[in-house]
Amino acid sequence: MKAPLTVVRASLRSATHSLENRRRARELAWRWVGSKWPRLVPHGDEVESVRIERAAPGQELMVSESGDGLCWTLWLAHTDRKGGRTWMIEVEVSDAGDADMLRIRTSCVGESDGPLVVAPPRLLGLWVEHLDLDDGGVPVIGEPRAVDSVQRAQAFCDHVLSPSRRLPVIALSNDPRSRYFGVDPRGLAEAVRGLAHVACISPDASSMVSTTLGQDFGAQTGAARVYAPGFNTLAASGDHPLIRPVRGGTDASWSDPGSFRRFLVRRACALSVEGSAR
């Protein structure tokens, strides 16, 4: 049997750092499990057990807790309806000493006739919505950030250049005569929350961003510039690409307005795995 293929990996930091904060992260994980696999959710006080094992047809769950509240892990596997692929999701909520760390990894194994459809787990969105998370000192949110002033442009560049940043930044831009970004910024930000930041750079701020980061790394109207973690002004441009939607191509995957968003979501998922391998 082939080794599992990792398709999404996320590691989020919460500076709140408390037992209550970690309990809240666990509660959100159980809410997520209950929304998709209700037969795997234990009854009553059993959810507080240090070890849980449950199973249903095509589904399996194991949970372990360190007993001191410092580390809680959940492992879940489910087989898709056609029985071709088994998906495995690993969740960890732990005390990292100076912060709480929330981790999630999605892998799959097996073959199927259908395409491999990859998307961020809904649990990431719940964590972003309900917990205080940050990436390199910048809050992790599910909304696009407006970069529309000198001060915001400087803060944006500082974050892109920060060595402590762990999430990609997807920068969108429009021209002065249009609000067209190539993709709906709000829909994209919601789809990649917990995996990437989304920023909308105004025409007035665009020149400052290009001057600070380099002319080869600026944002352009109707395209998405993806700044991977570890960016610096001497980086190879191919590592931080400018991605444009395909127009008039023969690929059916680009034939509807949401196609570019889905492509960028898949790119964010791929970057989450590539980044963890560095």
Protein backbone atom coordinates (compact mmCIF):
# COMPACT_ATOMS: atom_id res chain seq x y z
CA MET A 1 0.00 0.00 0.00
CA LYS A 2 1.24 3.47 -0.85
CA ALA A 3 2.12 5.89 1.93
CA PRO A 4 -0.62 8.45 2.70
CA LEU A 5 -0.50 11.63 0.63
CA THR A 6 -0.60 14.78 2.77
CA VAL A 7 -2.78 17.41 1.09
CA VAL A 8 -3.27 20.06 3.81
CA ARG A 9 -1.18 20.94 6.84
CA ALA A 10 -1.69 23.90 9.17
CA SER A 11 -0.05 25.07 12.37
CA LEU A 12 -1.61 28.08 14.08
CA ARG A 13 -0.41 30.01 17.12
CA SER A 14 -2.63 31.45 19.83
CA ALA A 15 -1.02 33.95 22.17
CA THR A 16 -3.96 33.64 24.59
CA HIS A 17 -2.18 30.59 26.03
CA SER A 18 -4.38 29.12 28.73
CA LEU A 19 -6.08 25.88 29.70
CA GLU A 20 -9.44 27.48 28.97
CA ASN A 21 -8.24 28.52 25.51
CA ARG A 22 -7.15 24.97 24.73
CA ARG A 23 -10.49 23.64 26.01
CA ARG A 24 -12.26 26.01 23.65
CA ALA A 25 -10.16 24.75 20.72
CA ARG A 26 -11.10 21.18 21.63
CA GLU A 27 -14.80 22.07 21.89
CA LEU A 28 -14.65 23.54 18.40
CA ALA A 29 -13.01 20.35 17.14
CA TRP A 30 -15.86 18.27 18.61
CA ARG A 31 -18.40 20.65 17.04
CA TRP A 32 -16.76 20.08 13.68
CA VAL A 33 -16.72 16.30 14.12
CA GLY A 34 -20.40 16.37 15.14
CA SER A 35 -21.37 18.35 12.06
CA LYS A 36 -19.86 15.78 9.67
CA TRP A 37 -19.60 12.48 11.53
CA PRO A 38 -22.17 12.64 14.37
CA ARG A 39 -21.95 8.90 15.10
CA LEU A 40 -18.34 9.35 16.19
CA VAL A 41 -19.12 11.89 18.93
CA PRO A 42 -19.09 10.38 22.46
CA HIS A 43 -22.02 10.85 24.80
CA GLY A 44 -22.01 13.09 27.86
CA ASP A 45 -18.86 13.23 29.97
CA GLU A 46 -17.09 10.69 27.79
CA VAL A 47 -15.71 13.56 25.69
CA GLU A 48 -13.47 14.42 28.67
CA SER A 49 -11.91 10.95 28.78
CA VAL A 50 -8.14 10.74 28.34
CA ARG A 51 -8.64 8.08 25.67
CA ILE A 52 -11.56 7.60 23.29
CA GLU A 53 -12.06 5.08 20.49
CA ARG A 54 -15.19 5.01 18.36
CA ALA A 55 -16.14 3.56 15.01
CA ALA A 56 -19.00 3.52 12.51
CA PRO A 57 -19.24 2.02 9.01
CA GLY A 58 -16.47 3.64 6.99
CA GLN A 59 -15.47 5.88 9.91
CA GLU A 60 -13.04 5.64 12.81
CA LEU A 61 -11.95 8.03 15.56
CA MET A 62 -9.28 7.96 18.26
CA VAL A 63 -8.62 10.67 20.84
CA SER A 64 -5.94 10.90 23.50
CA GLU A 65 -5.21 13.50 26.17
CA SER A 66 -2.05 13.89 28.22
CA GLY A 67 -3.99 14.14 31.48
CA ASP A 68 -2.47 17.49 32.44
CA GLY A 69 -4.24 19.57 29.77
CA LEU A 70 -1.01 20.22 27.87
CA CYS A 71 -1.66 18.08 24.78
CA TRP A 72 -4.81 16.70 23.15
CA THR A 73 -4.85 14.79 19.88
CA LEU A 74 -7.63 13.56 17.64
CA TRP A 75 -7.27 11.17 14.71
CA LEU A 76 -10.17 10.53 12.34
CA ALA A 77 -10.46 8.41 9.21
CA HIS A 78 -13.36 8.11 6.81
CA THR A 79 -13.79 6.42 3.45
CA ASP A 80 -15.47 8.32 0.63
CA ARG A 81 -18.80 7.17 -0.74
CA LYS A 82 -17.33 5.26 -3.65
CA GLY A 83 -14.91 3.49 -1.35
CA GLY A 84 -11.88 4.53 -3.37
CA ARG A 85 -10.09 6.86 -0.98
CA THR A 86 -9.70 6.95 2.76
CA TRP A 87 -9.17 10.39 4.27
CA MET A 88 -7.28 10.80 7.52
CA ILE A 89 -7.31 13.93 9.64
CA GLU A 90 -4.99 14.55 12.57
CA VAL A 91 -5.72 17.36 15.05
CA GLU A 92 -3.50 18.52 17.90
CA VAL A 93 -4.09 21.18 20.56
CA SER A 94 -1.04 21.70 22.75
CA ASP A 95 0.80 24.04 25.11
CA ALA A 96 3.99 25.18 23.35
CA GLY A 97 5.39 26.99 26.37
CA ASP A 98 4.81 30.60 25.33
CA ALA A 99 1.65 30.01 23.27
CA ASP A 100 -1.01 27.46 22.45
CA MET A 101 -0.47 25.61 19.16
CA LEU A 102 -3.29 24.27 17.01
CA ARG A 103 -2.33 21.83 14.29
CA ILE A 104 -4.25 19.94 11.66
CA ARG A 105 -3.15 17.61 8.89
CA THR A 106 -5.24 16.00 6.17
CA SER A 107 -3.97 12.98 4.23
CA CYS A 108 -5.48 10.42 1.90
CA VAL A 109 -4.69 6.96 0.63
CA GLY A 110 -6.19 4.80 -2.09
CA GLU A 111 -7.32 5.29 -5.66
CA SER A 112 -10.55 6.66 -7.09
CA ASP A 113 -11.98 7.32 -10.53
CA GLY A 114 -12.80 10.90 -9.61
CA PRO A 115 -10.37 13.83 -9.31
CA LEU A 116 -8.60 14.56 -6.03
CA VAL A 117 -10.64 17.42 -4.56
CA VAL A 118 -8.66 19.23 -1.86
CA ALA A 119 -10.02 21.92 0.45
CA PRO A 120 -9.14 23.26 3.91
CA PRO A 121 -10.97 21.48 6.76
CA ARG A 122 -13.89 23.47 8.18
CA LEU A 123 -12.21 23.20 11.60
CA LEU A 124 -9.63 25.77 10.50
CA GLY A 125 -12.41 28.26 9.90
CA LEU A 126 -13.94 27.59 13.32
CA TRP A 127 -10.60 28.17 15.02
CA VAL A 128 -10.06 31.42 13.11
CA GLU A 129 -13.60 32.64 13.89
CA HIS A 130 -13.55 31.90 17.61
CA LEU A 131 -9.94 32.02 18.82
CA ASP A 132 -7.27 34.72 19.00
CA LEU A 133 -4.67 33.55 16.48
CA ASP A 134 -1.67 35.39 15.08
CA ASP A 135 1.01 34.87 12.47
CA GLY A 136 4.20 36.83 12.92
CA GLY A 137 2.36 39.30 15.15
CA VAL A 138 -0.50 39.82 12.68
CA PRO A 139 -3.97 38.45 13.52
CA VAL A 140 -5.19 35.51 11.45
CA ILE A 141 -8.64 36.47 10.16
CA GLY A 142 -11.13 35.30 7.55
CA GLU A 143 -11.46 38.66 5.80
CA PRO A 144 -9.33 40.51 3.25
CA ARG A 145 -7.17 43.34 4.59
CA ALA A 146 -7.32 46.72 2.90
CA VAL A 147 -3.89 48.12 2.06
CA ASP A 148 -4.94 51.63 1.10
CA SER A 149 -2.60 54.07 2.85
CA VAL A 150 1.10 54.66 3.38
CA GLN A 151 0.87 53.30 6.92
CA ARG A 152 -0.99 50.16 5.88
CA ALA A 153 1.36 49.61 2.93
CA GLN A 154 4.35 49.77 5.28
CA ALA A 155 2.71 47.35 7.73
CA PHE A 156 1.89 45.03 4.82
CA CYS A 157 5.49 45.03 3.57
CA ASP A 158 6.83 44.50 7.09
CA HIS A 159 4.65 41.43 7.48
CA VAL A 160 5.55 40.02 4.06
CA LEU A 161 9.25 40.43 4.94
CA SER A 162 8.90 39.13 8.50
CA PRO A 163 10.97 35.98 9.16
CA SER A 164 8.40 34.91 11.76
CA ARG A 165 5.56 34.77 9.22
CA ARG A 166 4.43 31.19 8.60
CA LEU A 167 1.41 31.65 6.31
CA PRO A 168 1.42 32.78 2.66
CA VAL A 169 0.10 36.21 1.77
CA ILE A 170 -2.13 36.45 -1.31
CA ALA A 171 -2.07 40.02 -2.60
CA LEU A 172 -4.77 41.29 -4.97
CA SER A 173 -4.88 44.65 -6.74
CA ASN A 174 -7.26 46.76 -8.80
CA ASP A 175 -6.82 49.74 -11.10
CA PRO A 176 -8.24 53.22 -10.32
CA ARG A 177 -11.21 52.80 -12.66
CA SER A 178 -12.44 49.44 -11.38
CA ARG A 179 -12.94 47.28 -8.30
CA TYR A 180 -12.05 44.18 -10.31
CA PHE A 181 -9.47 42.02 -8.49
CA GLY A 182 -9.69 38.89 -10.64
CA VAL A 183 -11.41 37.07 -7.78
CA ASP A 184 -13.88 37.98 -5.04
CA PRO A 185 -11.54 38.98 -2.16
CA ARG A 186 -14.03 38.21 0.59
CA GLY A 187 -14.89 34.78 -0.78
CA LEU A 188 -11.21 33.93 -1.19
CA ALA A 189 -10.28 35.12 2.31
CA GLU A 190 -13.05 33.03 3.83
CA ALA A 191 -12.02 29.96 1.83
CA VAL A 192 -8.33 30.11 2.84
CA ARG A 193 -8.70 31.28 6.44
CA GLY A 194 -6.11 29.60 8.57
CA LEU A 195 -3.99 28.78 5.51
CA ALA A 196 -3.22 32.22 4.06
CA HIS A 197 -3.73 35.95 4.48
CA VAL A 198 -5.52 37.94 1.76
CA ALA A 199 -4.75 41.61 1.11
CA CYS A 200 -6.30 44.10 -1.31
CA ILE A 201 -3.73 46.66 -2.42
CA SER A 202 -5.11 49.96 -3.67
CA PRO A 203 -3.63 51.72 -6.71
CA ASP A 204 -2.16 54.43 -4.44
CA ALA A 205 -0.40 51.85 -2.23
CA SER A 206 0.72 49.60 -5.08
CA SER A 207 3.75 51.69 -6.07
CA MET A 208 5.07 51.75 -2.49
CA VAL A 209 4.68 47.98 -2.22
CA SER A 210 6.59 47.46 -5.48
CA THR A 211 9.34 49.88 -4.40
CA THR A 212 9.77 48.17 -1.02
CA LEU A 213 9.50 44.55 -2.12
CA GLY A 214 10.99 44.93 -5.60
CA GLN A 215 9.54 45.61 -9.02
CA ASP A 216 9.46 41.88 -9.76
CA PHE A 217 7.29 41.23 -6.71
CA GLY A 218 4.54 43.82 -6.93
CA ALA A 219 0.83 43.15 -7.19
CA GLN A 220 -0.93 43.57 -10.53
CA THR A 221 -4.53 44.25 -11.44
CA GLY A 222 -6.69 41.16 -11.83
CA ALA A 223 -3.96 38.77 -10.69
CA ALA A 224 -2.83 37.26 -7.39
CA ARG A 225 0.70 37.64 -6.07
CA VAL A 226 1.49 34.84 -3.61
CA TYR A 227 4.24 35.64 -1.11
CA ALA A 228 5.30 32.34 0.40
CA PRO A 229 6.83 32.29 3.90
CA GLY A 230 10.51 33.18 3.90
CA PHE A 231 10.16 35.91 1.27
CA ASN A 232 12.97 38.44 0.88
CA THR A 233 13.91 40.89 -1.85
CA LEU A 234 16.61 38.52 -3.17
CA ALA A 235 14.16 35.62 -3.58
CA ALA A 236 13.54 33.85 -6.86
CA SER A 237 10.41 35.22 -8.49
CA GLY A 238 9.15 31.71 -9.24
CA ASP A 239 8.90 30.99 -5.51
CA HIS A 240 6.46 33.89 -5.06
CA PRO A 241 4.46 33.78 -8.29
CA LEU A 242 2.06 36.16 -9.92
CA ILE A 243 -0.95 34.03 -10.86
CA ARG A 244 -3.47 35.16 -13.46
CA PRO A 245 -6.86 33.64 -14.26
CA VAL A 246 -6.98 31.83 -17.58
CA ARG A 247 -9.37 33.45 -20.03
CA GLY A 248 -10.83 31.70 -23.06
CA GLY A 249 -8.99 28.45 -22.48
CA THR A 250 -10.30 25.02 -23.27
CA ASP A 251 -9.99 23.75 -19.68
CA ALA A 252 -13.52 23.39 -18.32
CA SER A 253 -12.27 24.05 -14.78
CA TRP A 254 -11.87 27.74 -15.71
CA SER A 255 -15.32 28.11 -17.22
CA ASP A 256 -17.16 29.69 -14.27
CA PRO A 257 -16.53 32.80 -12.11
CA GLY A 258 -15.43 30.76 -9.06
CA SER A 259 -12.75 28.81 -10.91
CA PHE A 260 -9.90 31.22 -10.10
CA ARG A 261 -10.86 31.20 -6.41
CA ARG A 262 -10.83 27.40 -6.34
CA PHE A 263 -7.45 27.37 -8.06
CA LEU A 264 -6.01 29.76 -5.45
CA VAL A 265 -7.48 27.66 -2.63
CA ARG A 266 -5.78 24.57 -4.04
CA ARG A 267 -2.55 26.56 -4.30
CA ALA A 268 -2.84 27.59 -0.63
CA CYS A 269 -3.37 23.93 0.33
CA ALA A 270 -0.31 22.89 -1.68
CA LEU A 271 1.80 25.64 -0.09
CA SER A 272 0.79 24.47 3.37
CA VAL A 273 2.39 21.10 2.63
CA GLU A 274 5.40 22.50 0.78
CA GLY A 275 6.12 24.93 3.59
CA SER A 276 6.10 22.20 6.23
CA ALA A 277 8.73 20.28 4.24
CA ARG A 278 11.22 23.15 4.29
